[in-house]
C-alpha atoms as a PDB file:
ATOM      1  CA  UNK A   1     116.406  35.389 163.267  1.00  0.00           C
ATOM      2  CA  UNK A   2     115.960  35.458 167.014  1.00  0.00           C
ATOM      3  CA  UNK A   3     117.124  32.496 169.003  1.00  0.00           C
ATOM      4  CA  UNK A   4     114.640  29.964 170.327  1.00  0.00           C
ATOM      5  CA  UNK A   5     113.861  30.102 174.047  1.00  0.00           C
ATOM      6  CA  UNK A   6     112.673  27.302 176.276  1.00  0.00           C
ATOM      7  CA  UNK A   7     109.369  28.133 177.968  1.00  0.00           C
ATOM      8  CA  UNK A   8     107.860  26.021 180.732  1.00  0.00           C
ATOM      9  CA  UNK A   9     104.119  25.571 180.223  1.00  0.00           C
ATOM     10  CA  UNK A  10     101.628  23.294 181.948  1.00  0.00           C
ATOM     11  CA  UNK A  11      98.138  22.168 181.046  1.00  0.00           C
ATOM     12  CA  UNK A  12      95.324  23.368 183.303  1.00  0.00           C
ATOM     13  CA  UNK A  13      91.605  22.988 183.817  1.00  0.00           C
ATOM     14  CA  UNK A  14      89.421  25.900 182.777  1.00  0.00           C
ATOM     15  CA  UNK A  15      87.362  27.941 185.226  1.00  0.00           C
ATOM     16  CA  UNK A  16      87.458  31.077 187.377  1.00  0.00           C
ATOM     17  CA  UNK A  17      88.300  29.209 190.561  1.00  0.00           C
ATOM     18  CA  UNK A  18      91.232  27.546 188.840  1.00  0.00           C
ATOM     19  CA  UNK A  19      92.433  30.906 187.473  1.00  0.00           C
ATOM     20  CA  UNK A  20      92.312  32.520 190.918  1.00  0.00           C
ATOM     21  CA  UNK A  21      94.282  29.635 192.401  1.00  0.00           C
ATOM     22  CA  UNK A  22      96.931  29.972 189.704  1.00  0.00           C
ATOM     23  CA  UNK A  23      97.391  33.673 190.371  1.00  0.00           C
ATOM     24  CA  UNK A  24      97.868  33.026 194.083  1.00  0.00           C
ATOM     25  CA  UNK A  25     100.746  30.704 193.136  1.00  0.00           C
ATOM     26  CA  UNK A  26     102.236  33.324 190.782  1.00  0.00           C
ATOM     27  CA  UNK A  27     101.017  31.503 187.691  1.00  0.00           C
ATOM     28  CA  UNK A  28      99.186  33.094 184.774  1.00  0.00           C
ATOM     29  CA  UNK A  29      96.350  31.296 182.975  1.00  0.00           C
ATOM     30  CA  UNK A  30      96.393  31.174 179.199  1.00  0.00           C
ATOM     31  CA  UNK A  31      95.539  29.324 176.031  1.00  0.00           C
ATOM     32  CA  UNK A  32      97.578  27.919 173.161  1.00  0.00           C
ATOM     33  CA  UNK A  33      96.118  27.586 169.662  1.00  0.00           C
ATOM     34  CA  UNK A  34      97.220  27.482 166.053  1.00  0.00           C
ATOM     35  CA  UNK A  35      99.021  24.390 164.774  1.00  0.00           C
ATOM     36  CA  UNK A  36      97.731  22.428 167.752  1.00  0.00           C
ATOM     37  CA  UNK A  37      94.430  21.488 169.325  1.00  0.00           C
ATOM     38  CA  UNK A  38      93.379  24.396 171.546  1.00  0.00           C
ATOM     39  CA  UNK A  39      94.547  23.812 175.104  1.00  0.00           C
ATOM     40  CA  UNK A  40      94.271  25.702 178.397  1.00  0.00           C
ATOM     41  CA  UNK A  41      97.693  26.342 179.898  1.00  0.00           C
ATOM     42  CA  UNK A  42      99.504  28.140 182.707  1.00  0.00           C
ATOM     43  CA  UNK A  43     102.857  29.942 182.830  1.00  0.00           C
ATOM     44  CA  UNK A  44     104.900  31.452 185.648  1.00  0.00           C
ATOM     45  CA  UNK A  45     104.317  35.196 185.969  1.00  0.00           C
ATOM     46  CA  UNK A  46     108.052  35.926 185.822  1.00  0.00           C
ATOM     47  CA  UNK A  47     108.313  34.271 182.403  1.00  0.00           C
ATOM     48  CA  UNK A  48     105.394  36.302 181.107  1.00  0.00           C
ATOM     49  CA  UNK A  49     106.881  39.573 182.377  1.00  0.00           C
ATOM     50  CA  UNK A  50     110.272  38.762 180.893  1.00  0.00           C
ATOM     51  CA  UNK A  51     109.277  37.506 177.467  1.00  0.00           C
ATOM     52  CA  UNK A  52     106.358  39.850 176.820  1.00  0.00           C
ATOM     53  CA  UNK A  53     108.726  42.690 175.956  1.00  0.00           C
ATOM     54  CA  UNK A  54     110.247  44.309 172.880  1.00  0.00           C
ATOM     55  CA  UNK A  55     113.555  42.534 173.502  1.00  0.00           C
ATOM     56  CA  UNK A  56     111.841  39.172 172.899  1.00  0.00           C
ATOM     57  CA  UNK A  57     109.347  40.240 170.253  1.00  0.00           C
ATOM     58  CA  UNK A  58     108.796  37.407 167.739  1.00  0.00           C
ATOM     59  CA  UNK A  59     111.128  35.126 169.712  1.00  0.00           C
ATOM     60  CA  UNK A  60     110.361  31.459 169.075  1.00  0.00           C
ATOM     61  CA  UNK A  61     109.360  29.714 172.300  1.00  0.00           C
ATOM     62  CA  UNK A  62     110.071  25.995 172.502  1.00  0.00           C
ATOM     63  CA  UNK A  63     107.581  24.622 174.994  1.00  0.00           C
ATOM     64  CA  UNK A  64     108.723  22.397 177.813  1.00  0.00           C
ATOM     65  CA  UNK A  65     105.816  20.594 179.469  1.00  0.00           C
ATOM     66  CA  UNK A  66     104.864  17.390 181.243  1.00  0.00           C
ATOM     67  CA  UNK A  67     101.929  17.222 178.820  1.00  0.00           C
ATOM     68  CA  UNK A  68     103.085  15.279 175.747  1.00  0.00           C
ATOM     69  CA  UNK A  69     100.688  17.246 173.511  1.00  0.00           C
ATOM     70  CA  UNK A  70     102.452  20.485 174.440  1.00  0.00           C
ATOM     71  CA  UNK A  71     106.030  19.410 174.950  1.00  0.00           C
ATOM     72  CA  UNK A  72     108.346  20.363 172.096  1.00  0.00           C
ATOM     73  CA  UNK A  73     105.871  22.640 170.322  1.00  0.00           C
ATOM     74  CA  UNK A  74     107.151  26.019 169.104  1.00  0.00           C
ATOM     75  CA  UNK A  75     105.024  29.091 169.743  1.00  0.00           C
ATOM     76  CA  UNK A  76     104.948  32.879 169.708  1.00  0.00           C
ATOM     77  CA  UNK A  77     103.526  35.190 172.365  1.00  0.00           C
ATOM     78  CA  UNK A  78     100.379  36.436 170.642  1.00  0.00           C
ATOM     79  CA  UNK A  79      98.654  38.540 173.281  1.00  0.00           C
ATOM     80  CA  UNK A  80      98.962  39.272 176.991  1.00  0.00           C
ATOM     81  CA  UNK A  81      96.063  40.785 178.925  1.00  0.00           C
ATOM     82  CA  UNK A  82      97.231  43.053 181.757  1.00  0.00           C
ATOM     83  CA  UNK A  83      95.323  44.390 184.771  1.00  0.00           C
ATOM     84  CA  UNK A  84      95.089  48.178 184.229  1.00  0.00           C
ATOM     85  CA  UNK A  85      95.622  48.935 187.923  1.00  0.00           C
ATOM     86  CA  UNK A  86      98.167  46.393 189.162  1.00  0.00           C
ATOM     87  CA  UNK A  87      99.833  45.925 185.712  1.00  0.00           C
ATOM     88  CA  UNK A  88      99.941  42.225 186.496  1.00  0.00           C
ATOM     89  CA  UNK A  89      99.475  39.816 183.559  1.00  0.00           C
ATOM     90  CA  UNK A  90      96.067  38.176 183.759  1.00  0.00           C
ATOM     91  CA  UNK A  91      95.935  35.990 180.655  1.00  0.00           C
ATOM     92  CA  UNK A  92      98.275  34.838 177.898  1.00  0.00           C
ATOM     93  CA  UNK A  93      97.623  33.723 174.325  1.00  0.00           C
ATOM     94  CA  UNK A  94     100.309  31.579 172.664  1.00  0.00           C
ATOM     95  CA  UNK A  95     100.246  30.816 168.957  1.00  0.00           C
ATOM     96  CA  UNK A  96     101.615  27.369 168.102  1.00  0.00           C
ATOM     97  CA  UNK A  97     103.589  27.331 164.864  1.00  0.00           C
ATOM     98  CA  UNK A  98     103.966  24.933 161.982  1.00  0.00           C
ATOM     99  CA  UNK A  99     107.601  25.577 161.090  1.00  0.00           C
ATOM    100  CA  UNK A 100     106.919  24.628 157.483  1.00  0.00           C
ATOM    101  CA  UNK A 101     104.232  27.287 156.966  1.00  0.00           C
ATOM    102  CA  UNK A 102     104.614  31.055 156.639  1.00  0.00           C
ATOM    103  CA  UNK A 103     103.287  33.399 159.321  1.00  0.00           C
ATOM    104  CA  UNK A 104     102.572  37.122 159.347  1.00  0.00           C
ATOM    105  CA  UNK A 105     104.253  39.176 162.045  1.00  0.00           C
ATOM    106  CA  UNK A 106     105.158  42.804 162.751  1.00  0.00           C
ATOM    107  CA  UNK A 107     108.888  43.519 162.718  1.00  0.00           C
ATOM    108  CA  UNK A 108     110.634  46.447 164.397  1.00  0.00           C
ATOM    109  CA  UNK A 109     112.234  49.217 162.319  1.00  0.00           C
ATOM    110  CA  UNK A 110     115.615  50.418 163.609  1.00  0.00           C
ATOM    111  CA  UNK A 111     117.076  53.751 162.501  1.00  0.00           C
ATOM    112  CA  UNK A 112     120.738  54.593 162.049  1.00  0.00           C
ATOM    113  CA  UNK A 113     122.575  57.729 160.903  1.00  0.00           C
ATOM    114  CA  UNK A 114     121.884  61.449 161.259  1.00  0.00           C
ATOM    115  CA  UNK A 115     119.897  63.029 158.454  1.00  0.00           C
ATOM    116  CA  UNK A 116     121.753  65.873 156.697  1.00  0.00           C
ATOM    117  CA  UNK A 117     118.459  67.748 156.596  1.00  0.00           C
ATOM    118  CA  UNK A 118     118.681  68.308 160.350  1.00  0.00           C
ATOM    119  CA  UNK A 119     121.663  70.644 159.810  1.00  0.00           C
ATOM    120  CA  UNK A 120     119.452  72.591 157.373  1.00  0.00           C
ATOM    121  CA  UNK A 121     116.861  73.204 160.060  1.00  0.00           C
ATOM    122  CA  UNK A 122     114.758  70.108 159.457  1.00  0.00           C
ATOM    123  CA  UNK A 123     113.326  67.614 161.928  1.00  0.00           C
ATOM    124  CA  UNK A 124     113.508  63.825 161.542  1.00  0.00           C
ATOM    125  CA  UNK A 125     110.043  62.340 161.974  1.00  0.00           C
ATOM    126  CA  UNK A 126     109.780  58.558 162.476  1.00  0.00           C
ATOM    127  CA  UNK A 127     106.272  57.887 161.195  1.00  0.00           C
ATOM    128  CA  UNK A 128     106.082  54.166 161.960  1.00  0.00           C
ATOM    129  CA  UNK A 129     108.360  51.824 163.865  1.00  0.00           C
ATOM    130  CA  UNK A 130     107.015  48.499 162.587  1.00  0.00           C
ATOM    131  CA  UNK A 131     106.105  46.841 159.311  1.00  0.00           C
ATOM    132  CA  UNK A 132     104.198  43.626 158.671  1.00  0.00           C
ATOM    133  CA  UNK A 133     105.992  40.806 156.874  1.00  0.00           C
ATOM    134  CA  UNK A 134     105.309  37.189 155.947  1.00  0.00           C
ATOM    135  CA  UNK A 135     107.867  34.382 156.120  1.00  0.00           C
ATOM    136  CA  UNK A 136     108.637  31.027 157.678  1.00  0.00           C
ATOM    137  CA  UNK A 137     108.862  31.172 161.490  1.00  0.00           C
ATOM    138  CA  UNK A 138     112.572  30.382 161.378  1.00  0.00           C
ATOM    139  CA  UNK A 139     113.187  33.312 158.985  1.00  0.00           C
ATOM    140  CA  UNK A 140     111.533  36.068 161.030  1.00  0.00           C
ATOM    141  CA  UNK A 141     113.930  39.057 161.034  1.00  0.00           C
ATOM    142  CA  UNK A 142     114.997  40.407 164.401  1.00  0.00           C
ATOM    143  CA  UNK A 143     114.584  43.926 162.960  1.00  0.00           C
ATOM    144  CA  UNK A 144     114.820  45.847 159.681  1.00  0.00           C
ATOM    145  CA  UNK A 145     117.406  48.622 159.487  1.00  0.00           C
ATOM    146  CA  UNK A 146     117.051  51.965 157.697  1.00  0.00           C
ATOM    147  CA  UNK A 147     119.788  54.568 157.183  1.00  0.00           C
ATOM    148  CA  UNK A 148     118.484  58.153 157.230  1.00  0.00           C
ATOM    149  CA  UNK A 149     121.856  59.861 156.625  1.00  0.00           C
ATOM    150  CA  UNK A 150     121.076  61.056 153.075  1.00  0.00           C
ATOM    151  CA  UNK A 151     117.670  62.529 153.849  1.00  0.00           C
ATOM    152  CA  UNK A 152     117.319  66.262 153.067  1.00  0.00           C
ATOM    153  CA  UNK A 153     114.416  68.440 154.144  1.00  0.00           C
ATOM    154  CA  UNK A 154     111.365  67.123 152.306  1.00  0.00           C
ATOM    155  CA  UNK A 155     112.847  63.650 151.722  1.00  0.00           C
ATOM    156  CA  UNK A 156     111.290  60.459 153.063  1.00  0.00           C
ATOM    157  CA  UNK A 157     111.716  56.692 153.158  1.00  0.00           C
ATOM    158  CA  UNK A 158     108.806  54.402 152.253  1.00  0.00           C
ATOM    159  CA  UNK A 159     108.187  50.741 152.921  1.00  0.00           C
ATOM    160  CA  UNK A 160     108.982  49.925 149.284  1.00  0.00           C
ATOM    161  CA  UNK A 161     112.550  51.186 149.838  1.00  0.00           C
ATOM    162  CA  UNK A 162     113.301  48.878 152.781  1.00  0.00           C
ATOM    163  CA  UNK A 163     115.939  46.198 152.413  1.00  0.00           C
ATOM    164  CA  UNK A 164     113.938  43.035 153.106  1.00  0.00           C
ATOM    165  CA  UNK A 165     115.878  39.803 153.821  1.00  0.00           C
ATOM    166  CA  UNK A 166     115.640  36.928 151.346  1.00  0.00           C
ATOM    167  CA  UNK A 167     112.669  34.695 151.996  1.00  0.00           C
ATOM    168  CA  UNK A 168     110.702  37.509 153.642  1.00  0.00           C
ATOM    169  CA  UNK A 169     107.719  39.184 151.944  1.00  0.00           C
ATOM    170  CA  UNK A 170     106.610  42.722 152.794  1.00  0.00           C
ATOM    171  CA  UNK A 171     102.897  42.858 153.611  1.00  0.00           C
ATOM    172  CA  UNK A 172     102.634  46.522 154.650  1.00  0.00           C
ATOM    173  CA  UNK A 173     101.622  48.934 151.873  1.00  0.00           C
ATOM    174  CA  UNK A 174     104.628  49.918 149.696  1.00  0.00           C
ATOM    175  CA  UNK A 175     103.685  53.609 149.952  1.00  0.00           C
ATOM    176  CA  UNK A 176     103.692  53.509 153.765  1.00  0.00           C
ATOM    177  CA  UNK A 177     105.992  56.300 155.024  1.00  0.00           C
ATOM    178  CA  UNK A 178     108.616  55.057 157.477  1.00  0.00           C
ATOM    179  CA  UNK A 179     110.594  58.252 158.135  1.00  0.00           C
ATOM    180  CA  UNK A 180     110.745  61.801 156.780  1.00  0.00           C
ATOM    181  CA  UNK A 181     112.682  65.004 157.344  1.00  0.00           C
ATOM    182  CA  UNK A 182     110.214  67.872 157.669  1.00  0.00           C
ATOM    183  CA  UNK A 183     110.726  71.613 157.853  1.00  0.00           C
ATOM    184  CA  UNK A 184     110.275  73.127 161.292  1.00  0.00           C
ATOM    185  CA  UNK A 185     107.554  75.767 161.126  1.00  0.00           C
ATOM    186  CA  UNK A 186     108.247  78.907 163.142  1.00  0.00           C
ATOM    187  CA  UNK A 187     105.538  79.851 165.589  1.00  0.00           C
ATOM    188  CA  UNK A 188     103.834  83.116 164.637  1.00  0.00           C
ATOM    189  CA  UNK A 189     102.695  85.252 167.591  1.00  0.00           C
ATOM    190  CA  UNK A 190      99.661  87.393 166.745  1.00  0.00           C
ATOM    191  CA  UNK A 191     100.051  91.195 167.331  1.00  0.00           C
ATOM    192  CA  UNK A 192      97.204  92.698 169.379  1.00  0.00           C
ATOM    193  CA  UNK A 193      96.283  95.185 166.618  1.00  0.00           C
ATOM    194  CA  UNK A 194      92.665  95.379 167.614  1.00  0.00           C
ATOM    195  CA  UNK A 195      93.502  96.372 171.173  1.00  0.00           C
ATOM    196  CA  UNK A 196      95.968  99.023 170.020  1.00  0.00           C
ATOM    197  CA  UNK A 197      93.442 100.477 167.590  1.00  0.00           C
ATOM    198  CA  UNK A 198      90.772 100.617 170.260  1.00  0.00           C
ATOM    199  CA  UNK A 199      92.854 102.880 172.547  1.00  0.00           C
ATOM    200  CA  UNK A 200      93.098 105.902 170.207  1.00  0.00           C
ATOM    201  CA  UNK A 201      89.411 105.630 169.449  1.00  0.00           C
ATOM    202  CA  UNK A 202      88.564 105.884 173.118  1.00  0.00           C
ATOM    203  CA  UNK A 203      90.903 108.876 173.497  1.00  0.00           C
ATOM    204  CA  UNK A 204      89.328 110.623 170.528  1.00  0.00           C
ATOM    205  CA  UNK A 205      85.909 110.398 172.101  1.00  0.00           C
ATOM    206  CA  UNK A 206      86.930 112.549 175.050  1.00  0.00           C
ATOM    207  CA  UNK A 207      87.924 115.657 173.051  1.00  0.00           C
ATOM    208  CA  UNK A 208      84.706 115.388 171.061  1.00  0.00           C
ATOM    209  CA  UNK A 209      82.701 115.560 174.262  1.00  0.00           C
ATOM    210  CA  UNK A 210      84.831 118.470 175.475  1.00  0.00           C
ATOM    211  CA  UNK A 211      84.354 120.340 172.209  1.00  0.00           C
ATOM    212  CA  UNK A 212      80.593 120.098 172.518  1.00  0.00           C
ATOM    213  CA  UNK A 213      80.614 121.713 175.942  1.00  0.00           C
ATOM    214  CA  UNK A 214      81.924 125.195 174.863  1.00  0.00           C
ATOM    215  CA  UNK A 215      79.427 125.257 172.030  1.00  0.00           C
ATOM    216  CA  UNK A 216      76.615 124.655 174.474  1.00  0.00           C
ATOM    217  CA  UNK A 217      77.915 127.395 176.773  1.00  0.00           C
ATOM    218  CA  UNK A 218      78.077 129.892 173.892  1.00  0.00           C
ATOM    219  CA  UNK A 219      74.464 129.182 172.994  1.00  0.00           C
ATOM    220  CA  UNK A 220      73.414 129.733 176.605  1.00  0.00           C
ATOM    221  CA  UNK A 221      74.959 133.263 176.711  1.00  0.00           C
ATOM    222  CA  UNK A 222      73.429 134.401 173.411  1.00  0.00           C
ATOM    223  CA  UNK A 223      70.036 135.586 174.797  1.00  0.00           C
ATOM    224  CA  UNK A 224      71.721 137.674 177.524  1.00  0.00           C
ATOM    225  CA  UNK A 225      73.828 139.512 174.935  1.00  0.00           C
ATOM    226  CA  UNK A 226      70.682 140.728 173.062  1.00  0.00           C
ATOM    227  CA  UNK A 227      69.417 142.524 176.204  1.00  0.00           C
END
């Protein structure tokens, strides 16, 4: 389980003017919902940039706020909207948790080992890097590890073969392929047969034309010979 992190959050009034003012002060508008009455909030942009990353995925955020309704709540980063040009966060969704109720989250797959099939000319293909699980918030795995060492060419690992921690339920389809060693197909370069065949044909046409010319000349001399 990932450690809990303290996150400073403040209540805010809704509206475009308020949102613009927050951004000027390096704050990001947002909303918190879930096991709490929906509330408009604001966070510092640096916190959003830091915690909205793979390193803090599924990290439990303990909220620190001057608003008693928010203070002490535990939440997950649910979604962050980012400006496509500036890459600046524009809005944040936090999901407040009830620590006694299970949640569904996506957990990272980490790969270890070198597949023996690679030495046989195969290629390790990581098909998916996350699976969905269900568990209590305090039991969310930091990651799920797979060892690909024993994979030969044509072998694969499916979700049903993952080692899932106790208290965690796999939600992804059991037949979902996680990793596979596939055979590398050699690229076949087409031979320009048609072009090669066309060249002799063109050359053959020339002698045919030349052969017709003497025949024509012979016919032209025939009347003169009779005289």
